[in-house]
Amino acid sequence: MDTKPPILRPHPAAEVLTDERCHILELSNSPDDPEMSIARARVEPGVTTRWHRVRDTVERYVILDGSGRMEIGDWPPQEVQAGDVVMIPPSARQRIANVGPADLVFLAICTPRFRTEAYEDAEDA
């Protein structure tokens, strides 16, 4: 048995700004745990992410802080705030806008885990 419990501690400096206009910090994403991944996402005030989809992957956005406007497929936009959980069906076109004065922060939980090759930009679709 290992001497330490399996606790992941990502470093905040590992956060990256994506082409989608969203800051991402991977909290848990490993081939050793293919069923799920968790990332912390951060969208700055006034920013709307690019339209995108993740093929064959269910996403859940758990809104932690801030307020936003979520758009999924052909559904009407909906306001989101801390405590909301947004369910995004597999391969659904989506984007989120920060409509508040502070960063919009949420967890992006993907099943199966997020893989770069499943990501598709859908801005012009």
N, C-alpha and C. Protein backbone atom coordinates (compact mmCIF):
# COMPACT_ATOMS: atom_id res chain seq x y z
N MET A 1 0.84 -1.18 0.00
CA MET A 1 0.00 0.00 0.00
C MET A 1 0.88 1.24 0.00
N ASP A 2 0.46 2.26 -0.80
CA ASP A 2 1.21 3.52 -0.84
C ASP A 2 1.18 4.19 0.52
N THR A 3 2.20 5.00 0.80
CA THR A 3 2.26 5.69 2.08
C THR A 3 1.47 6.99 2.08
N LYS A 4 1.06 7.48 0.89
CA LYS A 4 0.29 8.71 0.81
C LYS A 4 -1.02 8.44 0.10
N PRO A 5 -2.10 9.10 0.53
CA PRO A 5 -3.38 8.94 -0.18
C PRO A 5 -3.31 9.61 -1.55
N PRO A 6 -4.14 9.15 -2.48
CA PRO A 6 -4.12 9.72 -3.84
C PRO A 6 -4.81 11.08 -3.89
N ILE A 7 -4.09 12.13 -3.47
CA ILE A 7 -4.61 13.49 -3.49
C ILE A 7 -3.87 14.27 -4.56
N LEU A 8 -4.63 14.87 -5.47
CA LEU A 8 -4.04 15.67 -6.53
C LEU A 8 -4.02 17.13 -6.10
N ARG A 9 -2.91 17.80 -6.31
CA ARG A 9 -2.78 19.21 -5.94
C ARG A 9 -2.22 20.00 -7.11
N PRO A 10 -3.07 20.35 -8.07
CA PRO A 10 -2.59 21.14 -9.20
C PRO A 10 -2.11 22.52 -8.73
N HIS A 11 -1.10 23.02 -9.37
CA HIS A 11 -0.55 24.32 -9.03
C HIS A 11 -1.25 25.39 -9.84
N PRO A 12 -1.70 26.48 -9.20
CA PRO A 12 -2.40 27.54 -9.93
C PRO A 12 -1.63 28.09 -11.13
N ALA A 13 -0.30 28.02 -11.10
CA ALA A 13 0.51 28.51 -12.21
C ALA A 13 0.34 27.65 -13.46
N ALA A 14 -0.27 26.47 -13.32
CA ALA A 14 -0.50 25.58 -14.47
C ALA A 14 -1.73 26.00 -15.28
N GLU A 15 -2.45 27.03 -14.82
CA GLU A 15 -3.62 27.51 -15.56
C GLU A 15 -3.18 28.05 -16.93
N VAL A 16 -3.95 27.71 -17.97
CA VAL A 16 -3.63 28.16 -19.33
C VAL A 16 -4.84 28.90 -19.92
N LEU A 17 -4.55 29.91 -20.74
CA LEU A 17 -5.60 30.60 -21.48
C LEU A 17 -5.75 29.89 -22.81
N THR A 18 -6.95 29.40 -23.09
CA THR A 18 -7.20 28.64 -24.31
C THR A 18 -7.62 29.57 -25.45
N ASP A 19 -7.58 29.05 -26.67
CA ASP A 19 -8.07 29.80 -27.84
C ASP A 19 -9.56 30.10 -27.71
N GLU A 20 -10.22 29.35 -26.87
CA GLU A 20 -11.66 29.51 -26.62
C GLU A 20 -11.95 30.76 -25.79
N ARG A 21 -10.90 31.41 -25.24
CA ARG A 21 -10.99 32.61 -24.39
C ARG A 21 -11.40 32.27 -22.96
N CYS A 22 -10.96 31.11 -22.50
CA CYS A 22 -11.27 30.62 -21.17
C CYS A 22 -9.97 30.14 -20.52
N HIS A 23 -9.77 30.49 -19.26
CA HIS A 23 -8.60 30.01 -18.50
C HIS A 23 -8.95 28.65 -17.92
N ILE A 24 -8.08 27.67 -18.13
CA ILE A 24 -8.34 26.30 -17.67
C ILE A 24 -7.20 25.82 -16.78
N LEU A 25 -7.58 25.24 -15.65
CA LEU A 25 -6.63 24.55 -14.77
C LEU A 25 -7.13 23.12 -14.62
N GLU A 26 -6.41 22.18 -15.21
CA GLU A 26 -6.78 20.76 -15.09
C GLU A 26 -6.57 20.32 -13.65
N LEU A 27 -7.64 19.84 -13.03
CA LEU A 27 -7.54 19.34 -11.65
C LEU A 27 -7.35 17.83 -11.62
N SER A 28 -8.00 17.14 -12.57
CA SER A 28 -7.87 15.69 -12.65
C SER A 28 -8.21 15.27 -14.08
N ASN A 29 -7.21 14.82 -14.81
CA ASN A 29 -7.41 14.34 -16.18
C ASN A 29 -6.26 13.41 -16.52
N SER A 30 -6.54 12.12 -16.43
CA SER A 30 -5.48 11.13 -16.61
C SER A 30 -6.01 9.89 -17.32
N PRO A 31 -5.20 9.29 -18.21
CA PRO A 31 -5.60 8.02 -18.80
C PRO A 31 -5.82 6.93 -17.76
N ASP A 32 -5.24 7.11 -16.57
CA ASP A 32 -5.44 6.14 -15.49
C ASP A 32 -6.84 6.21 -14.89
N ASP A 33 -7.57 7.31 -15.20
CA ASP A 33 -8.92 7.51 -14.70
C ASP A 33 -9.79 7.97 -15.88
N PRO A 34 -10.05 7.07 -16.85
CA PRO A 34 -10.67 7.48 -18.11
C PRO A 34 -12.15 7.85 -18.02
N GLU A 35 -12.81 7.52 -16.93
CA GLU A 35 -14.25 7.76 -16.84
C GLU A 35 -14.61 9.22 -16.64
N MET A 36 -13.68 10.06 -16.11
CA MET A 36 -14.05 11.43 -15.77
C MET A 36 -12.82 12.32 -15.70
N SER A 37 -13.04 13.60 -16.01
CA SER A 37 -12.02 14.61 -15.77
C SER A 37 -12.69 15.81 -15.11
N ILE A 38 -11.87 16.60 -14.39
CA ILE A 38 -12.35 17.80 -13.72
C ILE A 38 -11.35 18.92 -14.01
N ALA A 39 -11.87 20.05 -14.47
CA ALA A 39 -11.04 21.23 -14.69
C ALA A 39 -11.73 22.42 -14.04
N ARG A 40 -10.91 23.36 -13.56
CA ARG A 40 -11.47 24.64 -13.11
C ARG A 40 -11.37 25.60 -14.29
N ALA A 41 -12.50 26.20 -14.64
CA ALA A 41 -12.54 27.16 -15.74
C ALA A 41 -12.79 28.55 -15.17
N ARG A 42 -12.20 29.54 -15.84
CA ARG A 42 -12.35 30.93 -15.41
C ARG A 42 -12.52 31.79 -16.65
N VAL A 43 -13.62 32.56 -16.68
CA VAL A 43 -13.90 33.46 -17.79
C VAL A 43 -13.90 34.88 -17.23
N GLU A 44 -13.13 35.75 -17.85
CA GLU A 44 -13.01 37.12 -17.36
C GLU A 44 -14.27 37.93 -17.66
N PRO A 45 -14.52 39.00 -16.89
CA PRO A 45 -15.70 39.84 -17.11
C PRO A 45 -15.78 40.34 -18.56
N GLY A 46 -16.98 40.27 -19.12
CA GLY A 46 -17.20 40.77 -20.47
C GLY A 46 -16.81 39.81 -21.58
N VAL A 47 -16.26 38.66 -21.24
CA VAL A 47 -15.79 37.69 -22.24
C VAL A 47 -16.85 36.63 -22.49
N THR A 48 -17.01 36.27 -23.76
CA THR A 48 -17.85 35.14 -24.17
C THR A 48 -16.93 34.13 -24.82
N THR A 49 -17.02 32.88 -24.39
CA THR A 49 -16.18 31.85 -24.99
C THR A 49 -16.63 31.59 -26.43
N ARG A 50 -15.75 30.99 -27.21
CA ARG A 50 -16.10 30.63 -28.58
C ARG A 50 -17.11 29.48 -28.56
N TRP A 51 -17.95 29.43 -29.58
CA TRP A 51 -18.82 28.26 -29.75
C TRP A 51 -17.91 27.05 -29.92
N HIS A 52 -18.23 25.97 -29.23
CA HIS A 52 -17.44 24.74 -29.33
C HIS A 52 -18.32 23.57 -28.94
N ARG A 53 -17.79 22.38 -29.16
CA ARG A 53 -18.45 21.14 -28.72
C ARG A 53 -17.37 20.14 -28.34
N VAL A 54 -17.76 19.17 -27.51
CA VAL A 54 -16.85 18.08 -27.15
C VAL A 54 -17.56 16.79 -27.57
N ARG A 55 -17.02 16.18 -28.61
CA ARG A 55 -17.64 14.97 -29.19
C ARG A 55 -17.75 13.84 -28.16
N ASP A 56 -18.95 13.24 -28.14
CA ASP A 56 -19.19 12.02 -27.35
C ASP A 56 -18.85 12.18 -25.87
N THR A 57 -18.98 13.39 -25.35
CA THR A 57 -18.63 13.67 -23.96
C THR A 57 -19.74 14.49 -23.30
N VAL A 58 -20.22 14.03 -22.16
CA VAL A 58 -21.17 14.81 -21.37
C VAL A 58 -20.36 15.76 -20.50
N GLU A 59 -20.76 17.02 -20.50
CA GLU A 59 -20.11 18.00 -19.64
C GLU A 59 -21.11 18.52 -18.62
N ARG A 60 -20.59 18.81 -17.44
CA ARG A 60 -21.37 19.46 -16.40
C ARG A 60 -20.55 20.64 -15.93
N TYR A 61 -21.17 21.82 -15.97
CA TYR A 61 -20.53 23.01 -15.42
C TYR A 61 -21.12 23.24 -14.04
N VAL A 62 -20.29 23.23 -13.03
CA VAL A 62 -20.71 23.54 -11.67
C VAL A 62 -20.24 24.97 -11.40
N ILE A 63 -21.18 25.91 -11.37
CA ILE A 63 -20.82 27.31 -11.23
C ILE A 63 -20.44 27.58 -9.77
N LEU A 64 -19.21 28.06 -9.59
CA LEU A 64 -18.68 28.30 -8.24
C LEU A 64 -18.77 29.77 -7.84
N ASP A 65 -18.54 30.67 -8.81
CA ASP A 65 -18.50 32.09 -8.48
C ASP A 65 -18.82 32.90 -9.73
N GLY A 66 -19.50 34.01 -9.54
CA GLY A 66 -19.81 34.90 -10.65
C GLY A 66 -21.16 34.61 -11.26
N SER A 67 -21.42 35.28 -12.38
CA SER A 67 -22.69 35.09 -13.08
C SER A 67 -22.43 35.06 -14.57
N GLY A 68 -23.26 34.30 -15.27
CA GLY A 68 -23.03 34.14 -16.70
C GLY A 68 -24.31 33.89 -17.46
N ARG A 69 -24.14 33.75 -18.77
CA ARG A 69 -25.25 33.40 -19.67
C ARG A 69 -24.77 32.19 -20.47
N MET A 70 -25.47 31.07 -20.31
CA MET A 70 -25.11 29.80 -20.94
C MET A 70 -25.95 29.60 -22.19
N GLU A 71 -25.31 29.19 -23.28
CA GLU A 71 -26.00 28.85 -24.51
C GLU A 71 -25.60 27.44 -24.90
N ILE A 72 -26.62 26.60 -25.13
CA ILE A 72 -26.40 25.20 -25.51
C ILE A 72 -27.32 24.89 -26.69
N GLY A 73 -26.72 24.47 -27.81
CA GLY A 73 -27.49 24.08 -28.97
C GLY A 73 -28.49 25.14 -29.38
N ASP A 74 -29.73 24.72 -29.65
CA ASP A 74 -30.79 25.63 -30.07
C ASP A 74 -31.66 26.10 -28.91
N TRP A 75 -31.31 25.71 -27.67
CA TRP A 75 -32.08 26.16 -26.52
C TRP A 75 -31.85 27.65 -26.29
N PRO A 76 -32.83 28.35 -25.73
CA PRO A 76 -32.63 29.77 -25.45
C PRO A 76 -31.55 29.96 -24.39
N PRO A 77 -30.81 31.08 -24.45
CA PRO A 77 -29.79 31.36 -23.44
C PRO A 77 -30.41 31.39 -22.05
N GLN A 78 -29.64 30.96 -21.05
CA GLN A 78 -30.10 30.98 -19.67
C GLN A 78 -29.04 31.60 -18.78
N GLU A 79 -29.50 32.40 -17.82
CA GLU A 79 -28.60 32.98 -16.84
C GLU A 79 -28.17 31.90 -15.85
N VAL A 80 -26.90 31.95 -15.44
CA VAL A 80 -26.38 31.01 -14.45
C VAL A 80 -25.66 31.78 -13.36
N GLN A 81 -25.62 31.17 -12.17
CA GLN A 81 -24.97 31.80 -11.02
C GLN A 81 -24.41 30.72 -10.12
N ALA A 82 -23.69 31.14 -9.09
CA ALA A 82 -23.06 30.20 -8.16
C ALA A 82 -24.10 29.22 -7.62
N GLY A 83 -23.74 27.95 -7.63
CA GLY A 83 -24.61 26.87 -7.16
C GLY A 83 -25.33 26.14 -8.27
N ASP A 84 -25.41 26.74 -9.47
CA ASP A 84 -26.08 26.08 -10.59
C ASP A 84 -25.19 24.98 -11.17
N VAL A 85 -25.84 23.94 -11.68
CA VAL A 85 -25.16 22.87 -12.42
C VAL A 85 -25.77 22.85 -13.82
N VAL A 86 -24.94 23.06 -14.82
CA VAL A 86 -25.37 23.08 -16.21
C VAL A 86 -25.05 21.73 -16.83
N MET A 87 -26.06 21.07 -17.39
CA MET A 87 -25.86 19.77 -18.03
C MET A 87 -25.74 19.99 -19.54
N ILE A 88 -24.63 19.58 -20.12
CA ILE A 88 -24.37 19.77 -21.55
C ILE A 88 -24.31 18.39 -22.20
N PRO A 89 -25.27 18.09 -23.09
CA PRO A 89 -25.28 16.78 -23.74
C PRO A 89 -24.05 16.54 -24.60
N PRO A 90 -23.74 15.28 -24.89
CA PRO A 90 -22.60 14.96 -25.74
C PRO A 90 -22.71 15.66 -27.10
N SER A 91 -21.61 16.22 -27.55
CA SER A 91 -21.47 16.84 -28.87
C SER A 91 -22.33 18.08 -29.06
N ALA A 92 -22.92 18.63 -27.99
CA ALA A 92 -23.76 19.82 -28.12
C ALA A 92 -22.91 21.08 -28.30
N ARG A 93 -23.32 21.92 -29.24
CA ARG A 93 -22.68 23.22 -29.45
C ARG A 93 -22.97 24.09 -28.23
N GLN A 94 -21.94 24.80 -27.73
CA GLN A 94 -22.09 25.53 -26.47
C GLN A 94 -21.13 26.69 -26.38
N ARG A 95 -21.53 27.66 -25.53
CA ARG A 95 -20.63 28.74 -25.13
C ARG A 95 -21.20 29.37 -23.88
N ILE A 96 -20.34 30.10 -23.16
CA ILE A 96 -20.77 30.76 -21.93
C ILE A 96 -20.18 32.16 -21.92
N ALA A 97 -20.97 33.12 -21.44
CA ALA A 97 -20.54 34.52 -21.34
C ALA A 97 -20.51 34.93 -19.88
N ASN A 98 -19.51 35.69 -19.51
CA ASN A 98 -19.46 36.27 -18.18
C ASN A 98 -20.19 37.61 -18.26
N VAL A 99 -21.32 37.71 -17.57
CA VAL A 99 -22.13 38.93 -17.60
C VAL A 99 -22.00 39.75 -16.32
N GLY A 100 -21.11 39.33 -15.43
CA GLY A 100 -20.94 40.02 -14.15
C GLY A 100 -19.66 40.83 -14.09
N PRO A 101 -19.43 41.49 -12.95
CA PRO A 101 -18.26 42.35 -12.79
C PRO A 101 -16.99 41.61 -12.34
N ALA A 102 -17.12 40.34 -11.95
CA ALA A 102 -15.98 39.56 -11.46
C ALA A 102 -15.81 38.32 -12.33
N ASP A 103 -14.71 37.61 -12.14
CA ASP A 103 -14.49 36.37 -12.89
C ASP A 103 -15.64 35.40 -12.68
N LEU A 104 -16.02 34.71 -13.75
CA LEU A 104 -16.96 33.60 -13.70
C LEU A 104 -16.10 32.34 -13.55
N VAL A 105 -16.30 31.60 -12.46
CA VAL A 105 -15.47 30.43 -12.16
C VAL A 105 -16.39 29.22 -12.02
N PHE A 106 -16.02 28.14 -12.70
CA PHE A 106 -16.82 26.92 -12.63
C PHE A 106 -15.94 25.70 -12.82
N LEU A 107 -16.45 24.56 -12.35
CA LEU A 107 -15.81 23.28 -12.62
C LEU A 107 -16.42 22.73 -13.90
N ALA A 108 -15.59 22.19 -14.76
CA ALA A 108 -16.05 21.48 -15.95
C ALA A 108 -15.75 20.00 -15.71
N ILE A 109 -16.81 19.23 -15.52
CA ILE A 109 -16.67 17.80 -15.23
C ILE A 109 -17.11 17.05 -16.48
N CYS A 110 -16.21 16.28 -17.05
CA CYS A 110 -16.47 15.57 -18.30
C CYS A 110 -16.50 14.06 -18.09
N THR A 111 -17.49 13.42 -18.72
CA THR A 111 -17.54 11.96 -18.74
C THR A 111 -17.82 11.51 -20.17
N PRO A 112 -16.97 10.66 -20.75
CA PRO A 112 -15.66 10.27 -20.21
C PRO A 112 -14.74 11.48 -20.13
N ARG A 113 -13.53 11.27 -19.70
CA ARG A 113 -12.60 12.38 -19.48
C ARG A 113 -12.40 13.20 -20.74
N PHE A 114 -12.07 14.48 -20.55
CA PHE A 114 -11.79 15.37 -21.68
C PHE A 114 -10.52 14.93 -22.39
N ARG A 115 -10.62 14.86 -23.70
CA ARG A 115 -9.45 14.59 -24.55
C ARG A 115 -9.41 15.66 -25.62
N THR A 116 -8.24 16.20 -25.89
CA THR A 116 -8.08 17.28 -26.86
C THR A 116 -8.66 16.92 -28.21
N GLU A 117 -8.50 15.67 -28.64
CA GLU A 117 -8.98 15.27 -29.96
C GLU A 117 -10.50 15.25 -30.06
N ALA A 118 -11.21 15.30 -28.93
CA ALA A 118 -12.68 15.34 -28.95
C ALA A 118 -13.21 16.77 -29.04
N TYR A 119 -12.35 17.75 -28.84
CA TYR A 119 -12.75 19.17 -28.86
C TYR A 119 -12.91 19.65 -30.30
N GLU A 120 -14.00 20.35 -30.57
CA GLU A 120 -14.21 20.95 -31.90
C GLU A 120 -14.63 22.40 -31.75
N ASP A 121 -13.91 23.30 -32.42
CA ASP A 121 -14.33 24.69 -32.51
C ASP A 121 -15.57 24.73 -33.39
N ALA A 122 -16.62 25.43 -32.96
CA ALA A 122 -17.87 25.50 -33.72
C ALA A 122 -18.29 26.95 -33.93
N GLU A 123 -17.34 27.86 -33.86
CA GLU A 123 -17.64 29.30 -33.95
C GLU A 123 -18.34 29.64 -35.26
N ASP A 124 -17.95 29.03 -36.36
CA ASP A 124 -18.52 29.36 -37.66
C ASP A 124 -19.63 28.40 -38.10
N ALA A 125 -19.97 27.46 -37.22
CA ALA A 125 -20.97 26.45 -37.58
C ALA A 125 -22.37 27.05 -37.56
